[in-house]
Amino acid sequence: MEAVITRENLMLAYQRVVENKGAAGVDNLSVAELKPWLKKNWRSVRQALIDGNCQPRAIRRMDIPKPDSGVRTSGIPTVVDRLIQQAIAQQLSAIVDKSFSDSSYGFRPGRNAWKAVQQAQRYIRGGKRWVVDMEIWIWRSSST
C-alpha cells in the first residue's frame, strides 16, 4: 500500500481521473470538486487505506442510450473511488503486465485491437497460418 499512496503515484492517478472527466458518483462530487475535497479529507482516506479499512461507495447506475436503440447500463464510481482505483491499478499493472505474453493485447497499456491486427498480419507474413482470438469468461451462479 505504501507504493499506492506515494505522492508521485497519486498525482499521476489524479491527472488521469481529471483528464478522463466523467460524471459524479452517488455522492455528487464532481471531478472539478475533487482537489478541494482531497485537501480537506485526504488524511482520513490515506489512513483508511493504510489500515485496510477503506470501503468504496455505492456505484451510481446510469443508462446510456445506444445509437441503434436500447440502452447500456453503466456503473459510475465516485471520483474519490476512481482516484484510489487508478492509483492501485497503476501499481498492479507495473507488476502484472510483465507476466503477460507478448501476444496478449486485451486491456493492456499501449495496446489495442488495431495493434493486435497488425501483429496478426506480421505473423501471417512470417508463415503462421492460424490466428486465435480468445476471451476468458467465468460464470458463477449465485449458489456458488
C-alpha atoms as a PDB file:
ATOM      1  CA  MET A   1       0.000   0.000   0.000  1.00  0.00           C
ATOM      2  CA  GLU A   2       2.978   2.291   0.549  1.00  0.00           C
ATOM      3  CA  ALA A   3       3.634   2.406  -3.213  1.00  0.00           C
ATOM      4  CA  VAL A   4      -0.018   3.211  -3.897  1.00  0.00           C
ATOM      5  CA  ILE A   5      -0.087   6.256  -1.623  1.00  0.00           C
ATOM      6  CA  THR A   6       3.163   7.882  -2.734  1.00  0.00           C
ATOM      7  CA  ARG A   7       2.762  11.480  -3.847  1.00  0.00           C
ATOM      8  CA  GLU A   8       4.074  10.683  -7.338  1.00  0.00           C
ATOM      9  CA  ASN A   9       1.637   7.792  -7.868  1.00  0.00           C
ATOM     10  CA  LEU A  10      -1.318   9.750  -6.510  1.00  0.00           C
ATOM     11  CA  MET A  11      -0.535  12.803  -8.645  1.00  0.00           C
ATOM     12  CA  LEU A  12      -0.458  10.622 -11.762  1.00  0.00           C
ATOM     13  CA  ALA A  13      -3.730   8.961 -10.722  1.00  0.00           C
ATOM     14  CA  TYR A  14      -5.275  12.375 -10.065  1.00  0.00           C
ATOM     15  CA  GLN A  15      -4.197  13.632 -13.510  1.00  0.00           C
ATOM     16  CA  ARG A  16      -5.741  10.601 -15.201  1.00  0.00           C
ATOM     17  CA  VAL A  17      -9.034  10.955 -13.331  1.00  0.00           C
ATOM     18  CA  VAL A  18      -9.208  14.669 -14.176  1.00  0.00           C
ATOM     19  CA  GLU A  19      -8.319  14.073 -17.851  1.00  0.00           C
ATOM     20  CA  ASN A  20     -10.975  11.367 -18.101  1.00  0.00           C
ATOM     21  CA  LYS A  21     -13.584  13.734 -16.649  1.00  0.00           C
ATOM     22  CA  GLY A  22     -16.654  11.596 -16.153  1.00  0.00           C
ATOM     23  CA  ALA A  23     -19.820  12.007 -14.182  1.00  0.00           C
ATOM     24  CA  ALA A  24     -20.150  12.296 -10.424  1.00  0.00           C
ATOM     25  CA  GLY A  25     -20.940   9.191  -8.419  1.00  0.00           C
ATOM     26  CA  VAL A  26     -23.595   8.686  -5.742  1.00  0.00           C
ATOM     27  CA  ASP A  27     -22.039  11.423  -3.590  1.00  0.00           C
ATOM     28  CA  ASN A  28     -22.480  14.013  -6.401  1.00  0.00           C
ATOM     29  CA  LEU A  29     -18.827  15.108  -6.026  1.00  0.00           C
ATOM     30  CA  SER A  30     -17.619  16.256  -9.449  1.00  0.00           C
ATOM     31  CA  VAL A  31     -14.116  15.956 -10.854  1.00  0.00           C
ATOM     32  CA  ALA A  32     -13.815  19.751 -10.537  1.00  0.00           C
ATOM     33  CA  GLU A  33     -14.539  19.477  -6.800  1.00  0.00           C
ATOM     34  CA  LEU A  34     -12.059  16.644  -6.190  1.00  0.00           C
ATOM     35  CA  LYS A  35      -8.945  18.726  -5.413  1.00  0.00           C
ATOM     36  CA  PRO A  36     -10.526  20.857  -2.654  1.00  0.00           C
ATOM     37  CA  TRP A  37     -12.216  17.754  -1.250  1.00  0.00           C
ATOM     38  CA  LEU A  38      -8.874  15.924  -1.100  1.00  0.00           C
ATOM     39  CA  LYS A  39      -7.173  18.860   0.628  1.00  0.00           C
ATOM     40  CA  LYS A  40      -9.772  18.637   3.368  1.00  0.00           C
ATOM     41  CA  ASN A  41     -10.208  14.846   3.612  1.00  0.00           C
ATOM     42  CA  TRP A  42      -7.062  13.141   2.289  1.00  0.00           C
ATOM     43  CA  ARG A  43      -5.556  12.311   5.689  1.00  0.00           C
ATOM     44  CA  SER A  44      -8.542  10.198   6.714  1.00  0.00           C
ATOM     45  CA  VAL A  45      -8.713   8.469   3.310  1.00  0.00           C
ATOM     46  CA  ARG A  46      -4.970   7.757   3.444  1.00  0.00           C
ATOM     47  CA  GLN A  47      -5.239   6.327   6.949  1.00  0.00           C
ATOM     48  CA  ALA A  48      -8.178   4.116   5.925  1.00  0.00           C
ATOM     49  CA  LEU A  49      -6.073   2.785   3.035  1.00  0.00           C
ATOM     50  CA  ILE A  50      -3.123   2.075   5.324  1.00  0.00           C
ATOM     51  CA  ASP A  51      -5.364   0.407   7.917  1.00  0.00           C
ATOM     52  CA  GLY A  52      -7.177  -1.650   5.292  1.00  0.00           C
ATOM     53  CA  ASN A  53     -10.500  -0.053   6.221  1.00  0.00           C
ATOM     54  CA  CYS A  54     -11.181   1.880   3.034  1.00  0.00           C
ATOM     55  CA  GLN A  55     -14.574   0.910   1.643  1.00  0.00           C
ATOM     56  CA  PRO A  56     -15.717   2.027  -1.803  1.00  0.00           C
ATOM     57  CA  ARG A  57     -19.015   3.866  -2.012  1.00  0.00           C
ATOM     58  CA  ALA A  58     -22.034   2.526  -3.854  1.00  0.00           C
ATOM     59  CA  ILE A  59     -21.999   2.676  -7.638  1.00  0.00           C
ATOM     60  CA  ARG A  60     -24.313   5.116  -9.400  1.00  0.00           C
ATOM     61  CA  ARG A  61     -26.329   3.368 -12.081  1.00  0.00           C
ATOM     62  CA  MET A  62     -26.701   5.218 -15.358  1.00  0.00           C
ATOM     63  CA  ASP A  63     -28.492   4.102 -18.516  1.00  0.00           C
ATOM     64  CA  ILE A  64     -26.725   5.300 -21.651  1.00  0.00           C
ATOM     65  CA  PRO A  65     -28.745   5.279 -24.896  1.00  0.00           C
ATOM     66  CA  LYS A  66     -27.270   3.149 -27.683  1.00  0.00           C
ATOM     67  CA  PRO A  67     -27.192   4.648 -31.185  1.00  0.00           C
ATOM     68  CA  ASP A  68     -29.174   1.765 -32.688  1.00  0.00           C
ATOM     69  CA  SER A  69     -31.823   1.653 -29.905  1.00  0.00           C
ATOM     70  CA  GLY A  70     -31.904   0.356 -26.402  1.00  0.00           C
ATOM     71  CA  VAL A  71     -29.678   1.322 -23.513  1.00  0.00           C
ATOM     72  CA  ARG A  72     -26.427   0.208 -21.958  1.00  0.00           C
ATOM     73  CA  THR A  73     -26.370   0.273 -18.183  1.00  0.00           C
ATOM     74  CA  SER A  74     -23.162   1.616 -16.733  1.00  0.00           C
ATOM     75  CA  GLY A  75     -21.940   1.855 -13.158  1.00  0.00           C
ATOM     76  CA  ILE A  76     -20.227   5.072 -12.105  1.00  0.00           C
ATOM     77  CA  PRO A  77     -17.972   5.041  -9.028  1.00  0.00           C
ATOM     78  CA  THR A  78     -17.370   8.214  -7.043  1.00  0.00           C
ATOM     79  CA  VAL A  79     -14.424  10.330  -8.195  1.00  0.00           C
ATOM     80  CA  VAL A  80     -12.602   9.527  -4.934  1.00  0.00           C
ATOM     81  CA  ASP A  81     -13.045   5.803  -5.603  1.00  0.00           C
ATOM     82  CA  ARG A  82     -11.850   6.335  -9.189  1.00  0.00           C
ATOM     83  CA  LEU A  83      -8.730   8.062  -7.848  1.00  0.00           C
ATOM     84  CA  ILE A  84      -7.998   5.192  -5.454  1.00  0.00           C
ATOM     85  CA  GLN A  85      -8.729   2.558  -8.116  1.00  0.00           C
ATOM     86  CA  GLN A  86      -6.441   4.331 -10.590  1.00  0.00           C
ATOM     87  CA  ALA A  87      -3.620   4.591  -8.035  1.00  0.00           C
ATOM     88  CA  ILE A  88      -3.907   0.870  -7.260  1.00  0.00           C
ATOM     89  CA  ALA A  89      -4.187  -0.091 -10.941  1.00  0.00           C
ATOM     90  CA  GLN A  90      -1.006   1.843 -11.788  1.00  0.00           C
ATOM     91  CA  GLN A  91       0.975  -0.116  -9.228  1.00  0.00           C
ATOM     92  CA  LEU A  92      -0.553  -3.502 -10.062  1.00  0.00           C
ATOM     93  CA  SER A  93      -0.182  -3.128 -13.820  1.00  0.00           C
ATOM     94  CA  ALA A  94       3.512  -2.320 -13.420  1.00  0.00           C
ATOM     95  CA  ILE A  95       3.913  -5.697 -11.698  1.00  0.00           C
ATOM     96  CA  VAL A  96       1.397  -7.896 -13.517  1.00  0.00           C
ATOM     97  CA  ASP A  97       1.908  -6.672 -17.088  1.00  0.00           C
ATOM     98  CA  LYS A  98       5.422  -8.144 -17.136  1.00  0.00           C
ATOM     99  CA  SER A  99       3.973 -11.655 -16.761  1.00  0.00           C
ATOM    100  CA  PHE A 100       1.652 -11.415 -19.791  1.00  0.00           C
ATOM    101  CA  SER A 101       2.518 -12.898 -23.160  1.00  0.00           C
ATOM    102  CA  ASP A 102       3.820 -10.540 -25.829  1.00  0.00           C
ATOM    103  CA  SER A 103       0.918 -11.857 -27.922  1.00  0.00           C
ATOM    104  CA  SER A 104      -1.670 -10.552 -25.453  1.00  0.00           C
ATOM    105  CA  TYR A 105      -3.347  -7.302 -26.489  1.00  0.00           C
ATOM    106  CA  GLY A 106      -6.530  -7.055 -24.421  1.00  0.00           C
ATOM    107  CA  PHE A 107      -6.752  -4.278 -21.831  1.00  0.00           C
ATOM    108  CA  ARG A 108      -3.012  -3.630 -21.791  1.00  0.00           C
ATOM    109  CA  PRO A 109      -1.291  -0.253 -21.660  1.00  0.00           C
ATOM    110  CA  GLY A 110      -0.217   0.908 -25.097  1.00  0.00           C
ATOM    111  CA  ARG A 111      -2.011  -1.945 -26.859  1.00  0.00           C
ATOM    112  CA  ASN A 112      -5.307  -2.060 -28.686  1.00  0.00           C
ATOM    113  CA  ALA A 113      -7.291  -4.011 -31.267  1.00  0.00           C
ATOM    114  CA  TRP A 114      -5.563  -2.316 -34.212  1.00  0.00           C
ATOM    115  CA  LYS A 115      -2.108  -3.262 -32.899  1.00  0.00           C
ATOM    116  CA  ALA A 116      -3.342  -6.849 -32.436  1.00  0.00           C
ATOM    117  CA  VAL A 117      -4.455  -6.927 -36.090  1.00  0.00           C
ATOM    118  CA  GLN A 118      -1.086  -5.541 -37.206  1.00  0.00           C
ATOM    119  CA  GLN A 119       0.734  -8.234 -35.201  1.00  0.00           C
ATOM    120  CA  ALA A 120      -1.516 -10.944 -36.668  1.00  0.00           C
ATOM    121  CA  GLN A 121      -0.633  -9.683 -40.164  1.00  0.00           C
ATOM    122  CA  ARG A 122       3.087  -9.907 -39.322  1.00  0.00           C
ATOM    123  CA  TYR A 123       2.616 -13.491 -38.110  1.00  0.00           C
ATOM    124  CA  ILE A 124       0.789 -14.390 -41.345  1.00  0.00           C
ATOM    125  CA  ARG A 125       3.536 -12.817 -43.481  1.00  0.00           C
ATOM    126  CA  GLY A 126       6.020 -14.817 -41.423  1.00  0.00           C
ATOM    127  CA  GLY A 127       4.336 -18.089 -42.365  1.00  0.00           C
ATOM    128  CA  LYS A 128       1.923 -18.634 -39.499  1.00  0.00           C
ATOM    129  CA  ARG A 129      -1.468 -19.976 -40.591  1.00  0.00           C
ATOM    130  CA  TRP A 130      -3.706 -19.510 -37.566  1.00  0.00           C
ATOM    131  CA  VAL A 131      -4.857 -16.530 -35.542  1.00  0.00           C
ATOM    132  CA  VAL A 132      -6.695 -17.231 -32.290  1.00  0.00           C
ATOM    133  CA  ASP A 133      -8.960 -14.715 -30.580  1.00  0.00           C
ATOM    134  CA  MET A 134      -9.862 -15.799 -27.057  1.00  0.00           C
ATOM    135  CA  GLU A 135     -11.769 -14.309 -24.192  1.00  0.00           C
ATOM    136  CA  ILE A 136     -11.685 -15.784 -20.725  1.00  0.00           C
ATOM    137  CA  TRP A 137     -15.075 -15.564 -19.105  1.00  0.00           C
ATOM    138  CA  ILE A 138     -16.013 -17.037 -15.757  1.00  0.00           C
ATOM    139  CA  TRP A 139     -19.635 -17.555 -14.879  1.00  0.00           C
ATOM    140  CA  ARG A 140     -20.551 -18.190 -11.293  1.00  0.00           C
ATOM    141  CA  SER A 141     -24.057 -18.931 -10.209  1.00  0.00           C
ATOM    142  CA  SER A 142     -25.403 -17.247  -7.107  1.00  0.00           C
ATOM    143  CA  SER A 143     -25.340 -20.616  -5.330  1.00  0.00           C
ATOM    144  CA  THR A 144     -21.536 -20.992  -5.506  1.00  0.00           C
END
